[in-house]
Amino acid sequence: MSWQININSDMGEGYGRWQLGSDEELIPLVPTVNIACGFHAGDPRIMHRVTAAAIAAGADVGAHVALPDLRGFGRRPIDIDADDLRDDLLYQIGALDAFVRAEGGTMRHVKPHGSLYAMCGRHEHYARALLHAVARYDTSLIVIVGQGWPELLADSYGLTVRHEGYIDLDYQPDGFPQVEPVKKACDPDEVARRAVAIVKERTARALDGSRIEVATPTLCLHGDMPNVLEVAARVRDRLAEEDIEIVDLASAVR
């Protein structure tokens, strides 16, 4: 039996003179790049720089959209009006796409960040705000999001929606990740073990010890993890040892 999997990573999460992550070094290790759009991190110069590097490397580029929460890095829930959220998301998608087009590329996907990720999964009105924004912009964009409402509503918006596998975060019993306000370093071997288990067994272990079914085309590595380069290299090596091919997002979703 042969396996394929995509790996996506969040990047461009600095701001002004403050830089976070090793984007240029990480891009060659992952086929799919989610670029912050200025609401939780990122600014026009960083967005342009990371977009250009990703396109030059042949990586998929997508908008990593977020709540308007620079101070909390988008990892604090905000009680936001659904129409305001829709317009905030549309604004971010269009902003990143300007840089993608300027570099001769095509944007491939949209992925919510941090607290917005869980809010869209758990609440129908926020899921609809996300899907409405994406559908109004471009129905060819793949939406990467947590389990729950977005996948249930995808067909009504004419969108392809898929959830991802968490390999550098713990699972809660309901299938959502345990968000870390500040991302901690991870054991590369443990992250690689989780990656293989999700691909080959379609399962992961939650914090309470229960087993969760995880059938996903893509695995997430957080670009703000302090040792993300070491972890990404180990994951790639371990997947290769198991004859698991790393592919672009469209191939994995197909």
Protein backbone atom coordinates (compact mmCIF):
# COMPACT_ATOMS: atom_id res chain seq x y z
CA MET A 1 0.00 0.00 0.00
CA SER A 2 1.29 3.49 -0.83
CA TRP A 3 0.62 6.66 1.17
CA GLN A 4 0.72 10.35 0.37
CA ILE A 5 0.49 13.35 2.68
CA ASN A 6 0.82 17.11 2.49
CA ILE A 7 2.59 19.24 5.09
CA ASN A 8 1.53 22.84 5.67
CA SER A 9 3.28 25.42 7.81
CA ASP A 10 2.36 28.87 9.16
CA MET A 11 4.86 31.57 8.22
CA GLY A 12 5.37 35.31 7.91
CA GLU A 13 4.47 35.78 11.57
CA GLY A 14 6.81 38.64 12.44
CA TYR A 15 5.92 42.32 12.52
CA GLY A 16 8.08 45.26 11.53
CA ARG A 17 11.59 44.77 12.94
CA TRP A 18 10.40 41.84 15.08
CA GLN A 19 11.04 38.57 13.28
CA LEU A 20 9.57 35.21 14.28
CA GLY A 21 10.51 31.89 12.76
CA SER A 22 12.99 30.81 10.09
CA ASP A 23 10.75 31.13 7.04
CA GLU A 24 13.33 31.02 4.25
CA GLU A 25 15.00 27.95 5.77
CA LEU A 26 11.69 26.20 6.44
CA ILE A 27 10.10 26.75 3.02
CA PRO A 28 12.19 24.06 1.25
CA LEU A 29 11.07 21.50 3.85
CA VAL A 30 7.30 21.93 3.37
CA PRO A 31 5.20 22.04 0.18
CA THR A 32 2.45 24.32 1.51
CA VAL A 33 2.90 27.74 3.14
CA ASN A 34 0.25 29.69 5.08
CA ILE A 35 1.24 33.37 5.24
CA ALA A 36 0.02 35.71 7.98
CA CYS A 37 -2.01 38.60 6.58
CA GLY A 38 -1.46 41.37 9.10
CA PHE A 39 -4.20 40.74 11.66
CA HIS A 40 -2.37 38.45 14.11
CA ALA A 41 1.10 39.01 12.65
CA GLY A 42 2.72 40.01 9.42
CA ASP A 43 2.96 43.32 7.59
CA PRO A 44 3.14 44.20 3.89
CA ARG A 45 6.92 43.88 3.67
CA ILE A 46 6.99 40.50 5.41
CA MET A 47 4.01 39.26 3.39
CA HIS A 48 5.78 40.18 0.16
CA ARG A 49 9.13 38.69 1.20
CA VAL A 50 7.72 35.33 2.31
CA THR A 51 5.36 35.13 -0.67
CA ALA A 52 8.22 35.70 -3.09
CA ALA A 53 10.38 33.06 -1.37
CA ALA A 54 7.57 30.50 -1.35
CA ILE A 55 6.70 31.02 -5.01
CA ALA A 56 10.37 30.85 -6.01
CA ALA A 57 10.61 27.50 -4.20
CA GLY A 58 7.48 26.14 -5.92
CA ALA A 59 5.45 25.92 -2.71
CA ASP A 60 1.69 26.34 -2.44
CA VAL A 61 0.80 29.75 -1.00
CA GLY A 62 -2.29 30.43 1.08
CA ALA A 63 -3.74 33.15 3.30
CA HIS A 64 -3.38 32.53 7.04
CA VAL A 65 -6.32 34.69 8.14
CA ALA A 66 -6.96 35.68 11.73
CA LEU A 67 -8.88 37.70 14.27
CA PRO A 68 -7.74 41.33 14.69
CA ASP A 69 -5.45 40.54 17.62
CA LEU A 70 -1.81 41.58 17.16
CA ARG A 71 -1.16 41.79 20.90
CA GLY A 72 -2.48 38.29 21.57
CA PHE A 73 -1.08 36.79 18.35
CA GLY A 74 -4.60 35.75 17.34
CA ARG A 75 -4.71 33.13 20.05
CA ARG A 76 -7.37 34.86 22.17
CA PRO A 77 -11.08 34.35 21.37
CA ILE A 78 -12.92 37.55 20.43
CA ASP A 79 -16.69 38.04 20.42
CA ILE A 80 -16.90 39.49 16.91
CA ASP A 81 -19.92 40.16 14.71
CA ALA A 82 -20.12 37.55 11.94
CA ASP A 83 -20.46 40.18 9.20
CA ASP A 84 -17.42 42.03 10.53
CA LEU A 85 -15.50 38.76 10.55
CA ARG A 86 -16.53 38.00 6.97
CA ASP A 87 -15.24 41.37 5.79
CA ASP A 88 -12.04 41.09 7.82
CA LEU A 89 -11.34 37.74 6.19
CA LEU A 90 -12.12 38.97 2.69
CA TYR A 91 -9.78 41.90 3.28
CA GLN A 92 -6.93 39.60 4.35
CA ILE A 93 -7.39 37.18 1.47
CA GLY A 94 -7.30 40.00 -1.06
CA ALA A 95 -4.25 41.60 0.55
CA LEU A 96 -2.15 38.45 0.32
CA ASP A 97 -3.36 37.70 -3.19
CA ALA A 98 -2.00 41.09 -4.33
CA PHE A 99 1.51 39.94 -3.44
CA VAL A 100 0.95 36.46 -4.90
CA ARG A 101 -0.12 37.95 -8.23
CA ALA A 102 2.72 40.48 -8.19
CA GLU A 103 5.13 37.54 -7.97
CA GLY A 104 3.44 35.67 -10.82
CA GLY A 105 1.85 33.03 -8.60
CA THR A 106 -1.62 31.71 -7.84
CA MET A 107 -3.03 31.55 -4.34
CA ARG A 108 -4.16 28.01 -3.51
CA HIS A 109 -5.83 27.99 -0.11
CA VAL A 110 -7.05 29.77 3.01
CA LYS A 111 -6.46 28.66 6.59
CA PRO A 112 -7.76 30.34 9.78
CA HIS A 113 -5.27 30.96 12.56
CA GLY A 114 -5.36 30.39 16.31
CA SER A 115 -8.62 31.01 18.13
CA LEU A 116 -10.47 31.73 14.90
CA TYR A 117 -9.71 28.16 13.83
CA ALA A 118 -11.69 26.67 16.71
CA MET A 119 -14.40 29.36 16.58
CA CYS A 120 -15.18 28.45 12.96
CA GLY A 121 -15.25 24.76 13.79
CA ARG A 122 -17.55 25.09 16.79
CA HIS A 123 -19.94 27.87 15.73
CA GLU A 124 -22.07 27.84 12.60
CA HIS A 125 -22.25 31.63 12.16
CA TYR A 126 -18.46 31.97 12.21
CA ALA A 127 -18.06 29.02 9.85
CA ARG A 128 -20.47 30.69 7.45
CA ALA A 129 -18.57 33.98 7.70
CA LEU A 130 -15.36 32.17 6.72
CA LEU A 131 -16.89 30.20 3.85
CA HIS A 132 -18.84 33.21 2.58
CA ALA A 133 -15.65 35.28 2.38
CA VAL A 134 -13.72 32.55 0.55
CA ALA A 135 -16.56 31.72 -1.83
CA ARG A 136 -17.12 35.37 -2.75
CA TYR A 137 -13.43 35.71 -3.56
CA ASP A 138 -12.58 32.44 -5.34
CA THR A 139 -14.32 29.07 -5.05
CA SER A 140 -11.19 27.28 -6.30
CA LEU A 141 -9.43 28.03 -3.01
CA ILE A 142 -9.09 25.05 -0.68
CA VAL A 143 -10.05 25.79 2.94
CA ILE A 144 -7.93 24.14 5.66
CA VAL A 145 -9.74 24.27 8.98
CA GLY A 146 -10.59 22.31 12.11
CA GLN A 147 -13.30 19.71 12.21
CA GLY A 148 -16.93 20.68 12.61
CA TRP A 149 -19.14 23.20 10.86
CA PRO A 150 -16.98 24.20 7.85
CA GLU A 151 -16.86 20.66 6.49
CA LEU A 152 -20.60 20.23 7.02
CA LEU A 153 -21.37 23.45 5.13
CA ALA A 154 -18.75 23.20 2.37
CA ASP A 155 -21.01 21.88 -0.39
CA SER A 156 -23.54 24.69 0.05
CA TYR A 157 -20.78 27.21 -0.70
CA GLY A 158 -19.21 25.23 -3.55
CA LEU A 159 -15.95 24.90 -1.64
CA THR A 160 -13.42 22.16 -0.91
CA VAL A 161 -12.87 22.09 2.86
CA ARG A 162 -10.51 19.74 4.68
CA HIS A 163 -9.28 19.51 8.26
CA GLU A 164 -5.65 18.93 9.11
CA GLY A 165 -3.64 16.69 11.41
CA TYR A 166 -1.93 18.16 14.47
CA ILE A 167 1.48 16.68 15.08
CA ASP A 168 3.13 19.40 17.18
CA LEU A 169 0.05 20.12 19.34
CA ASP A 170 -1.94 17.85 21.65
CA TYR A 171 -5.51 16.86 20.76
CA GLN A 172 -8.42 17.70 23.00
CA PRO A 173 -11.05 14.92 23.30
CA ASP A 174 -13.36 16.80 20.89
CA GLY A 175 -10.75 16.66 18.12
CA PHE A 176 -9.57 20.28 18.32
CA PRO A 177 -5.97 21.15 19.20
CA GLN A 178 -4.81 22.34 22.59
CA VAL A 179 -3.65 25.83 21.62
CA GLU A 180 -0.43 27.10 23.21
CA PRO A 181 -0.35 30.89 23.78
CA VAL A 182 3.39 30.70 23.07
CA LYS A 183 4.53 27.73 21.00
CA LYS A 184 6.96 25.46 22.78
CA ALA A 185 9.74 23.33 21.33
CA CYS A 186 8.78 19.73 20.56
CA ASP A 187 10.57 16.40 20.56
CA PRO A 188 11.32 15.76 16.86
CA ASP A 189 10.97 12.00 17.24
CA GLU A 190 7.58 12.31 18.94
CA VAL A 191 6.28 14.67 16.27
CA ALA A 192 7.50 12.29 13.57
CA ARG A 193 5.84 9.35 15.33
CA ARG A 194 2.54 11.22 15.42
CA ALA A 195 2.85 12.03 11.72
CA VAL A 196 3.33 8.40 10.76
CA ALA A 197 0.43 7.29 13.00
CA ILE A 198 -1.96 9.78 11.41
CA VAL A 199 -0.98 8.80 7.89
CA LYS A 200 -0.90 5.03 8.32
CA GLU A 201 -3.38 4.41 11.16
CA ARG A 202 -5.60 7.49 10.81
CA THR A 203 -5.61 7.94 14.57
CA ALA A 204 -4.17 10.19 17.27
CA ARG A 205 -4.24 10.08 21.06
CA ALA A 206 -6.04 12.85 22.95
CA LEU A 207 -5.02 14.38 26.26
CA ASP A 208 -7.47 12.14 28.15
CA GLY A 209 -5.96 9.03 26.59
CA SER A 210 -8.79 8.40 24.14
CA ARG A 211 -8.13 7.60 20.50
CA ILE A 212 -9.40 10.00 17.84
CA GLU A 213 -9.95 9.15 14.19
CA VAL A 214 -7.95 11.52 11.98
CA ALA A 215 -8.48 11.11 8.25
CA THR A 216 -6.73 14.11 6.74
CA PRO A 217 -4.75 15.03 3.62
CA THR A 218 -2.43 17.49 5.39
CA LEU A 219 -0.33 17.80 8.53
CA CYS A 220 0.49 21.11 10.22
CA LEU A 221 3.88 22.25 11.50
CA HIS A 222 3.83 25.59 13.31
CA GLY A 223 6.47 27.96 12.01
CA ASP A 224 6.81 29.68 15.41
CA MET A 225 7.96 26.46 17.08
CA PRO A 226 11.50 27.24 18.35
CA ASN A 227 13.04 24.07 16.85
CA VAL A 228 10.79 23.81 13.79
CA LEU A 229 13.69 23.25 11.35
CA GLU A 230 14.93 20.24 13.30
CA VAL A 231 11.38 18.90 13.66
CA ALA A 232 10.53 19.37 9.98
CA ALA A 233 13.70 17.58 8.88
CA ARG A 234 12.99 14.64 11.22
CA VAL A 235 9.38 14.37 10.04
CA ARG A 236 10.49 14.29 6.41
CA ASP A 237 13.11 11.62 7.14
CA ARG A 238 10.65 9.47 9.09
CA LEU A 239 7.98 9.71 6.41
CA ALA A 240 10.53 8.69 3.78
CA GLU A 241 11.54 5.68 5.90
CA GLU A 242 7.88 4.60 5.88
CA ASP A 243 7.53 5.13 2.09
CA ILE A 244 5.11 8.01 2.64
CA GLU A 245 5.31 10.54 -0.18
CA ILE A 246 5.06 14.25 0.63
CA VAL A 247 2.93 15.98 -2.01
CA ASP A 248 1.37 19.36 -2.78
CA LEU A 249 -1.99 20.25 -1.28
CA ALA A 250 -4.09 19.71 -4.42
CA SER A 251 -2.61 16.23 -4.94
CA ALA A 252 -3.31 15.29 -1.33
CA VAL A 253 -6.88 16.57 -1.43
CA ARG A 254 -7.69 14.95 -4.76
